[in-house]
């Protein structure tokens, strides 16, 4: 599985958990439990946004510098051949 697919899957799970925890907070009666569930919802949403931003930066850098990866791989291969 590609890294992008895994991150997108985790992002979707985080967004689902955020909506699920928000739904649960509407169902609870106790104010303390409601507050804790809402904190979980916000934290899972923030985690999803951070992962999405990280993926966007990763893909942006990968597209801006496509040849550097090839150069690093060829340099590593030539160093291994010299040994």
PDB file of N, CA and C in Angstrom:
ATOM      1  N   UNK A   1       0.840  -1.180   0.000  1.00  0.00           N
ATOM      2  CA  UNK A   1       0.000   0.000   0.000  1.00  0.00           C
ATOM      3  C   UNK A   1       0.884   1.241   0.000  1.00  0.00           C
ATOM      4  N   UNK A   2       0.494   2.251  -0.765  1.00  0.00           N
ATOM      5  CA  UNK A   2       1.262   3.474  -0.826  1.00  0.00           C
ATOM      6  C   UNK A   2       1.048   4.298   0.443  1.00  0.00           C
ATOM      7  N   UNK A   3       2.010   5.158   0.715  1.00  0.00           N
ATOM      8  CA  UNK A   3       1.932   6.023   1.892  1.00  0.00           C
ATOM      9  C   UNK A   3       0.713   6.937   1.794  1.00  0.00           C
ATOM     10  N   UNK A   4       0.461   7.461   0.606  1.00  0.00           N
ATOM     11  CA  UNK A   4      -0.672   8.363   0.434  1.00  0.00           C
ATOM     12  C   UNK A   4      -1.999   7.678   0.752  1.00  0.00           C
ATOM     13  N   UNK A   5      -2.135   6.432   0.349  1.00  0.00           N
ATOM     14  CA  UNK A   5      -3.375   5.693   0.607  1.00  0.00           C
ATOM     15  C   UNK A   5      -3.580   5.458   2.098  1.00  0.00           C
ATOM     16  N   UNK A   6      -2.506   5.151   2.785  1.00  0.00           N
ATOM     17  CA  UNK A   6      -2.602   4.903   4.222  1.00  0.00           C
ATOM     18  C   UNK A   6      -2.981   6.182   4.955  1.00  0.00           C
ATOM     19  N   UNK A   7      -2.364   7.297   4.578  1.00  0.00           N
ATOM     20  CA  UNK A   7      -2.663   8.565   5.256  1.00  0.00           C
ATOM     21  C   UNK A   7      -4.094   8.997   4.978  1.00  0.00           C
ATOM     22  N   UNK A   8      -4.554   8.820   3.751  1.00  0.00           N
ATOM     23  CA  UNK A   8      -5.936   9.181   3.441  1.00  0.00           C
ATOM     24  C   UNK A   8      -6.909   8.291   4.213  1.00  0.00           C
ATOM     25  N   UNK A   9      -6.598   7.021   4.350  1.00  0.00           N
ATOM     26  CA  UNK A   9      -7.461   6.119   5.126  1.00  0.00           C
ATOM     27  C   UNK A   9      -7.506   6.539   6.595  1.00  0.00           C
ATOM     28  N   UNK A  10      -6.361   6.888   7.151  1.00  0.00           N
ATOM     29  CA  UNK A  10      -6.323   7.335   8.550  1.00  0.00           C
ATOM     30  C   UNK A  10      -7.062   8.660   8.698  1.00  0.00           C
ATOM     31  N   UNK A  11      -6.935   9.539   7.710  1.00  0.00           N
ATOM     32  CA  UNK A  11      -7.663  10.806   7.737  1.00  0.00           C
ATOM     33  C   UNK A  11      -9.168  10.570   7.747  1.00  0.00           C
ATOM     34  N   UNK A  12      -9.633   9.658   6.929  1.00  0.00           N
ATOM     35  CA  UNK A  12     -11.067   9.363   6.893  1.00  0.00           C
ATOM     36  C   UNK A  12     -11.542   8.773   8.221  1.00  0.00           C
ATOM     37  N   UNK A  13     -10.718   7.947   8.838  1.00  0.00           N
ATOM     38  CA  UNK A  13     -11.066   7.390  10.146  1.00  0.00           C
ATOM     39  C   UNK A  13     -11.155   8.499  11.190  1.00  0.00           C
ATOM     40  N   UNK A  14     -10.205   9.437  11.156  1.00  0.00           N
ATOM     41  CA  UNK A  14     -10.231  10.544  12.117  1.00  0.00           C
ATOM     42  C   UNK A  14     -11.468  11.412  11.940  1.00  0.00           C
ATOM     43  N   UNK A  15     -11.838  11.686  10.705  1.00  0.00           N
ATOM     44  CA  UNK A  15     -13.032  12.501  10.466  1.00  0.00           C
ATOM     45  C   UNK A  15     -14.285  11.747  10.906  1.00  0.00           C
ATOM     46  N   UNK A  16     -14.342  10.441  10.623  1.00  0.00           N
ATOM     47  CA  UNK A  16     -15.481   9.639  11.076  1.00  0.00           C
ATOM     48  C   UNK A  16     -15.578   9.656  12.601  1.00  0.00           C
ATOM     49  N   UNK A  17     -14.437   9.471  13.279  1.00  0.00           N
ATOM     50  CA  UNK A  17     -14.451   9.489  14.741  1.00  0.00           C
ATOM     51  C   UNK A  17     -14.906  10.838  15.279  1.00  0.00           C
ATOM     52  N   UNK A  18     -14.512  11.906  14.622  1.00  0.00           N
ATOM     53  CA  UNK A  18     -14.930  13.231  15.055  1.00  0.00           C
ATOM     54  C   UNK A  18     -16.447  13.373  14.995  1.00  0.00           C
ATOM     55  N   UNK A  19     -17.040  12.964  13.877  1.00  0.00           N
ATOM     56  CA  UNK A  19     -18.500  13.041  13.772  1.00  0.00           C
ATOM     57  C   UNK A  19     -19.192  12.088  14.747  1.00  0.00           C
ATOM     58  N   UNK A  20     -18.605  10.926  14.942  1.00  0.00           N
ATOM     59  CA  UNK A  20     -19.205   9.950  15.854  1.00  0.00           C
ATOM     60  C   UNK A  20     -19.180  10.464  17.293  1.00  0.00           C
ATOM     61  N   UNK A  21     -18.046  11.021  17.712  1.00  0.00           N
ATOM     62  CA  UNK A  21     -17.961  11.552  19.067  1.00  0.00           C
ATOM     63  C   UNK A  21     -18.889  12.752  19.256  1.00  0.00           C
ATOM     64  N   UNK A  22     -19.042  13.557  18.226  1.00  0.00           N
ATOM     65  CA  UNK A  22     -19.981  14.674  18.312  1.00  0.00           C
ATOM     66  C   UNK A  22     -21.411  14.162  18.458  1.00  0.00           C
ATOM     67  N   UNK A  23     -21.753  13.142  17.699  1.00  0.00           N
ATOM     68  CA  UNK A  23     -23.089  12.540  17.819  1.00  0.00           C
ATOM     69  C   UNK A  23     -23.294  11.966  19.224  1.00  0.00           C
ATOM     70  N   UNK A  24     -22.264  11.291  19.751  1.00  0.00           N
ATOM     71  CA  UNK A  24     -22.390  10.742  21.102  1.00  0.00           C
ATOM     72  C   UNK A  24     -22.554  11.836  22.152  1.00  0.00           C
ATOM     73  N   UNK A  25     -21.899  12.976  21.941  1.00  0.00           N
ATOM     74  CA  UNK A  25     -22.018  14.052  22.928  1.00  0.00           C
ATOM     75  C   UNK A  25     -23.436  14.607  22.971  1.00  0.00           C
ATOM     76  N   UNK A  26     -24.143  14.573  21.840  1.00  0.00           N
ATOM     77  CA  UNK A  26     -25.533  15.019  21.850  1.00  0.00           C
ATOM     78  C   UNK A  26     -26.440  14.034  22.575  1.00  0.00           C
ATOM     79  N   UNK A  27     -26.034  12.768  22.651  1.00  0.00           N
ATOM     80  CA  UNK A  27     -26.866  11.740  23.266  1.00  0.00           C
ATOM     81  C   UNK A  27     -26.681  11.646  24.780  1.00  0.00           C
ATOM     82  N   UNK A  28     -25.537  12.128  25.285  1.00  0.00           N
ATOM     83  CA  UNK A  28     -25.278  11.989  26.723  1.00  0.00           C
ATOM     84  C   UNK A  28     -25.983  13.085  27.510  1.00  0.00           C
ATOM     85  N   UNK A  29     -26.250  12.751  28.773  1.00  0.00           N
ATOM     86  CA  UNK A  29     -26.953  13.678  29.648  1.00  0.00           C
ATOM     87  C   UNK A  29     -25.975  14.414  30.564  1.00  0.00           C
ATOM     88  N   UNK A  30     -24.943  13.709  31.021  1.00  0.00           N
ATOM     89  CA  UNK A  30     -23.986  14.275  31.959  1.00  0.00           C
ATOM     90  C   UNK A  30     -23.090  15.302  31.264  1.00  0.00           C
ATOM     91  N   UNK A  31     -22.937  16.471  31.874  1.00  0.00           N
ATOM     92  CA  UNK A  31     -22.173  17.563  31.261  1.00  0.00           C
ATOM     93  C   UNK A  31     -20.678  17.246  31.190  1.00  0.00           C
ATOM     94  N   UNK A  32     -20.150  16.574  32.216  1.00  0.00           N
ATOM     95  CA  UNK A  32     -18.711  16.253  32.215  1.00  0.00           C
ATOM     96  C   UNK A  32     -18.365  15.258  31.107  1.00  0.00           C
ATOM     97  N   UNK A  33     -19.186  14.247  30.963  1.00  0.00           N
ATOM     98  CA  UNK A  33     -18.941  13.257  29.902  1.00  0.00           C
ATOM     99  C   UNK A  33     -19.118  13.907  28.536  1.00  0.00           C
ATOM    100  N   UNK A  34     -20.099  14.786  28.417  1.00  0.00           N
ATOM    101  CA  UNK A  34     -20.325  15.485  27.150  1.00  0.00           C
ATOM    102  C   UNK A  34     -19.099  16.313  26.772  1.00  0.00           C
ATOM    103  N   UNK A  35     -18.523  16.997  27.747  1.00  0.00           N
ATOM    104  CA  UNK A  35     -17.334  17.809  27.498  1.00  0.00           C
ATOM    105  C   UNK A  35     -16.147  16.938  27.089  1.00  0.00           C
ATOM    106  N   UNK A  36     -15.965  15.799  27.751  1.00  0.00           N
ATOM    107  CA  UNK A  36     -14.857  14.908  27.409  1.00  0.00           C
ATOM    108  C   UNK A  36     -15.021  14.316  26.012  1.00  0.00           C
ATOM    109  N   UNK A  37     -16.240  13.972  25.646  1.00  0.00           N
ATOM    110  CA  UNK A  37     -16.483  13.424  24.306  1.00  0.00           C
ATOM    111  C   UNK A  37     -16.251  14.495  23.247  1.00  0.00           C
ATOM    112  N   UNK A  38     -16.646  15.743  23.530  1.00  0.00           N
ATOM    113  CA  UNK A  38     -16.386  16.815  22.579  1.00  0.00           C
ATOM    114  C   UNK A  38     -14.891  17.085  22.429  1.00  0.00           C
ATOM    115  N   UNK A  39     -14.138  16.950  23.508  1.00  0.00           N
ATOM    116  CA  UNK A  39     -12.678  17.096  23.427  1.00  0.00           C
ATOM    117  C   UNK A  39     -12.106  15.997  22.532  1.00  0.00           C
ATOM    118  N   UNK A  40     -12.602  14.774  22.670  1.00  0.00           N
ATOM    119  CA  UNK A  40     -12.160  13.691  21.787  1.00  0.00           C
ATOM    120  C   UNK A  40     -12.499  13.989  20.323  1.00  0.00           C
ATOM    121  N   UNK A  41     -13.663  14.553  20.094  1.00  0.00           N
ATOM    122  CA  UNK A  41     -14.063  14.893  18.725  1.00  0.00           C
ATOM    123  C   UNK A  41     -13.135  15.946  18.138  1.00  0.00           C
ATOM    124  N   UNK A  42     -12.833  16.963  18.918  1.00  0.00           N
ATOM    125  CA  UNK A  42     -11.944  18.022  18.427  1.00  0.00           C
ATOM    126  C   UNK A  42     -10.542  17.480  18.195  1.00  0.00           C
ATOM    127  N   UNK A  43     -10.052  16.651  19.105  1.00  0.00           N
ATOM    128  CA  UNK A  43      -8.704  16.103  18.950  1.00  0.00           C
ATOM    129  C   UNK A  43      -8.591  15.198  17.725  1.00  0.00           C
ATOM    130  N   UNK A  44      -9.603  14.394  17.460  1.00  0.00           N
ATOM    131  CA  UNK A  44      -9.533  13.540  16.280  1.00  0.00           C
ATOM    132  C   UNK A  44      -9.637  14.370  14.998  1.00  0.00           C
ATOM    133  N   UNK A  45     -10.411  15.444  15.022  1.00  0.00           N
ATOM    134  CA  UNK A  45     -10.485  16.317  13.855  1.00  0.00           C
ATOM    135  C   UNK A  45      -9.155  17.043  13.632  1.00  0.00           C
ATOM    136  N   UNK A  46      -8.535  17.518  14.691  1.00  0.00           N
ATOM    137  CA  UNK A  46      -7.231  18.187  14.580  1.00  0.00           C
ATOM    138  C   UNK A  46      -6.179  17.205  14.075  1.00  0.00           C
ATOM    139  N   UNK A  47      -6.205  15.974  14.556  1.00  0.00           N
ATOM    140  CA  UNK A  47      -5.247  14.971  14.082  1.00  0.00           C
ATOM    141  C   UNK A  47      -5.429  14.722  12.586  1.00  0.00           C
ATOM    142  N   UNK A  48      -6.664  14.658  12.132  1.00  0.00           N
ATOM    143  CA  UNK A  48      -6.922  14.473  10.707  1.00  0.00           C
ATOM    144  C   UNK A  48      -6.437  15.638   9.873  1.00  0.00           C
ATOM    145  N   UNK A  49      -6.642  16.853  10.361  1.00  0.00           N
ATOM    146  CA  UNK A  49      -6.185  18.040   9.626  1.00  0.00           C
ATOM    147  C   UNK A  49      -4.663  18.092   9.582  1.00  0.00           C
ATOM    148  N   UNK A  50      -4.002  17.749  10.679  1.00  0.00           N
ATOM    149  CA  UNK A  50      -2.537  17.743  10.706  1.00  0.00           C
ATOM    150  C   UNK A  50      -1.994  16.704   9.737  1.00  0.00           C
ATOM    151  N   UNK A  51      -2.594  15.524   9.698  1.00  0.00           N
ATOM    152  CA  UNK A  51      -2.146  14.497   8.757  1.00  0.00           C
ATOM    153  C   UNK A  51      -2.379  14.923   7.315  1.00  0.00           C
ATOM    154  N   UNK A  52      -3.505  15.574   7.047  1.00  0.00           N
ATOM    155  CA  UNK A  52      -3.775  16.031   5.692  1.00  0.00           C
ATOM    156  C   UNK A  52      -2.787  17.114   5.283  1.00  0.00           C
ATOM    157  N   UNK A  53      -2.458  18.021   6.194  1.00  0.00           N
ATOM    158  CA  UNK A  53      -1.463  19.056   5.892  1.00  0.00           C
ATOM    159  C   UNK A  53      -0.092  18.427   5.652  1.00  0.00           C
ATOM    160  N   UNK A  54       0.257  17.441   6.449  1.00  0.00           N
ATOM    161  CA  UNK A  54       1.545  16.768   6.261  1.00  0.00           C
ATOM    162  C   UNK A  54       1.601  16.069   4.913  1.00  0.00           C
ATOM    163  N   UNK A  55       0.520  15.423   4.529  1.00  0.00           N
ATOM    164  CA  UNK A  55       0.475  14.756   3.230  1.00  0.00           C
ATOM    165  C   UNK A  55       0.576  15.764   2.098  1.00  0.00           C
ATOM    166  N   UNK A  56      -0.090  16.900   2.226  1.00  0.00           N
ATOM    167  CA  UNK A  56      -0.031  17.930   1.203  1.00  0.00           C
ATOM    168  C   UNK A  56       1.386  18.472   1.056  1.00  0.00           C
ATOM    169  N   UNK A  57       2.056  18.727   2.153  1.00  0.00           N
ATOM    170  CA  UNK A  57       3.440  19.209   2.108  1.00  0.00           C
ATOM    171  C   UNK A  57       4.350  18.147   1.512  1.00  0.00           C
ATOM    172  N   UNK A  58       4.160  16.895   1.905  1.00  0.00           N
ATOM    173  CA  UNK A  58       4.976  15.798   1.377  1.00  0.00           C
ATOM    174  C   UNK A  58       4.830  15.680  -0.137  1.00  0.00           C
ATOM    175  N   UNK A  59       3.588  15.688  -0.615  1.00  0.00           N
ATOM    176  CA  UNK A  59       3.358  15.565  -2.051  1.00  0.00           C
ATOM    177  C   UNK A  59       3.854  16.795  -2.804  1.00  0.00           C
ATOM    178  N   UNK A  60       3.719  17.974  -2.198  1.00  0.00           N
ATOM    179  CA  UNK A  60       4.227  19.190  -2.829  1.00  0.00           C
ATOM    180  C   UNK A  60       5.732  19.163  -2.982  1.00  0.00           C
ATOM    181  N   UNK A  61       6.435  18.761  -1.937  1.00  0.00           N
ATOM    182  CA  UNK A  61       7.894  18.673  -2.003  1.00  0.00           C
ATOM    183  C   UNK A  61       8.314  17.592  -2.984  1.00  0.00           C
ATOM    184  N   UNK A  62       7.586  16.500  -3.008  1.00  0.00           N
ATOM    185  CA  UNK A  62       7.904  15.402  -3.921  1.00  0.00           C
ATOM    186  C   UNK A  62       7.740  15.831  -5.378  1.00  0.00           C
ATOM    187  N   UNK A  63       6.736  16.655  -5.671  1.00  0.00           N
ATOM    188  CA  UNK A  63       6.530  17.114  -7.048  1.00  0.00           C
ATOM    189  C   UNK A  63       7.480  18.248  -7.420  1.00  0.00           C
ATOM    190  N   UNK A  64       7.884  19.066  -6.455  1.00  0.00           N
ATOM    191  CA  UNK A  64       8.795  20.165  -6.752  1.00  0.00           C
ATOM    192  C   UNK A  64      10.202  19.643  -7.013  1.00  0.00           C
ATOM    193  N   UNK A  65      10.630  18.657  -6.248  1.00  0.00           N
ATOM    194  CA  UNK A  65      11.977  18.122  -6.372  1.00  0.00           C
ATOM    195  C   UNK A  65      11.961  16.651  -6.800  1.00  0.00           C
ATOM    196  N   UNK A  66      11.487  16.337  -7.988  1.00  0.00           N
ATOM    197  CA  UNK A  66      11.404  14.923  -8.374  1.00  0.00           C
ATOM    198  C   UNK A  66      12.760  14.304  -8.687  1.00  0.00           C
ATOM    199  N   UNK A  67      13.708  15.099  -9.164  1.00  0.00           N
ATOM    200  CA  UNK A  67      14.991  14.538  -9.569  1.00  0.00           C
ATOM    201  C   UNK A  67      15.911  14.278  -8.380  1.00  0.00           C
ATOM    202  N   UNK A  68      15.727  14.962  -7.289  1.00  0.00           N
ATOM    203  CA  UNK A  68      16.605  14.782  -6.135  1.00  0.00           C
ATOM    204  C   UNK A  68      16.483  13.361  -5.596  1.00  0.00           C
ATOM    205  N   UNK A  69      15.276  12.812  -5.573  1.00  0.00           N
ATOM    206  CA  UNK A  69      15.079  11.449  -5.105  1.00  0.00           C
ATOM    207  C   UNK A  69      15.841  10.461  -5.993  1.00  0.00           C
ATOM    208  N   UNK A  70      15.779  10.674  -7.303  1.00  0.00           N
ATOM    209  CA  UNK A  70      16.507   9.800  -8.221  1.00  0.00           C
ATOM    210  C   UNK A  70      18.010   9.938  -8.034  1.00  0.00           C
ATOM    211  N   UNK A  71      18.466  11.163  -7.806  1.00  0.00           N
ATOM    212  CA  UNK A  71      19.897  11.392  -7.600  1.00  0.00           C
ATOM    213  C   UNK A  71      20.372  10.726  -6.313  1.00  0.00           C
ATOM    214  N   UNK A  72      19.579  10.819  -5.270  1.00  0.00           N
ATOM    215  CA  UNK A  72      19.963  10.189  -4.001  1.00  0.00           C
ATOM    216  C   UNK A  72      20.038   8.673  -4.146  1.00  0.00           C
ATOM    217  N   UNK A  73      19.089   8.106  -4.876  1.00  0.00           N
ATOM    218  CA  UNK A  73      19.101   6.658  -5.082  1.00  0.00           C
ATOM    219  C   UNK A  73      20.300   6.230  -5.916  1.00  0.00           C
ATOM    220  N   UNK A  74      20.621   7.013  -6.951  1.00  0.00           N
ATOM    221  CA  UNK A  74      21.773   6.645  -7.789  1.00  0.00           C
ATOM    222  C   UNK A  74      23.087   6.826  -7.033  1.00  0.00           C
ATOM    223  N   UNK A  75      23.186   7.857  -6.182  1.00  0.00           N
ATOM    224  CA  UNK A  75      24.385   8.044  -5.364  1.00  0.00           C
ATOM    225  C   UNK A  75      24.564   6.918  -4.365  1.00  0.00           C
ATOM    226  N   UNK A  76      23.463   6.480  -3.763  1.00  0.00           N
ATOM    227  CA  UNK A  76      23.545   5.376  -2.802  1.00  0.00           C
ATOM    228  C   UNK A  76      23.937   4.090  -3.501  1.00  0.00           C
ATOM    229  N   UNK A  77      23.442   3.878  -4.711  1.00  0.00           N
ATOM    230  CA  UNK A  77      23.785   2.673  -5.452  1.00  0.00           C
ATOM    231  C   UNK A  77      25.243   2.690  -5.876  1.00  0.00           C
ATOM    232  N   UNK A  78      25.752   3.859  -6.277  1.00  0.00           N
ATOM    233  CA  UNK A  78      27.158   3.934  -6.685  1.00  0.00           C
ATOM    234  C   UNK A  78      28.088   3.783  -5.479  1.00  0.00           C
ATOM    235  N   UNK A  79      27.682   4.273  -4.321  1.00  0.00           N
ATOM    236  CA  UNK A  79      28.501   4.097  -3.104  1.00  0.00           C
ATOM    237  C   UNK A  79      28.547   2.620  -2.711  1.00  0.00           C
ATOM    238  N   UNK A  80      27.444   1.917  -2.877  1.00  0.00           N
ATOM    239  CA  UNK A  80      27.415   0.489  -2.553  1.00  0.00           C
ATOM    240  C   UNK A  80      28.263  -0.296  -3.533  1.00  0.00           C
ATOM    241  N   UNK A  81      28.318   0.135  -4.801  1.00  0.00           N
ATOM    242  CA  UNK A  81      29.135  -0.544  -5.799  1.00  0.00           C
ATOM    243  C   UNK A  81      30.622  -0.337  -5.549  1.00  0.00           C
ATOM    244  N   UNK A  82      31.008   0.813  -4.994  1.00  0.00           N
ATOM    245  CA  UNK A  82      32.410   1.116  -4.734  1.00  0.00           C
ATOM    246  C   UNK A  82      32.949   0.290  -3.580  1.00  0.00           C
ATOM    247  N   UNK A  83      32.122  -0.134  -2.676  1.00  0.00           N
ATOM    248  CA  UNK A  83      32.572  -0.878  -1.496  1.00  0.00           C
ATOM    249  C   UNK A  83      32.852  -2.256  -1.845  1.00  0.00           C
TER     250      UNK A  83
END
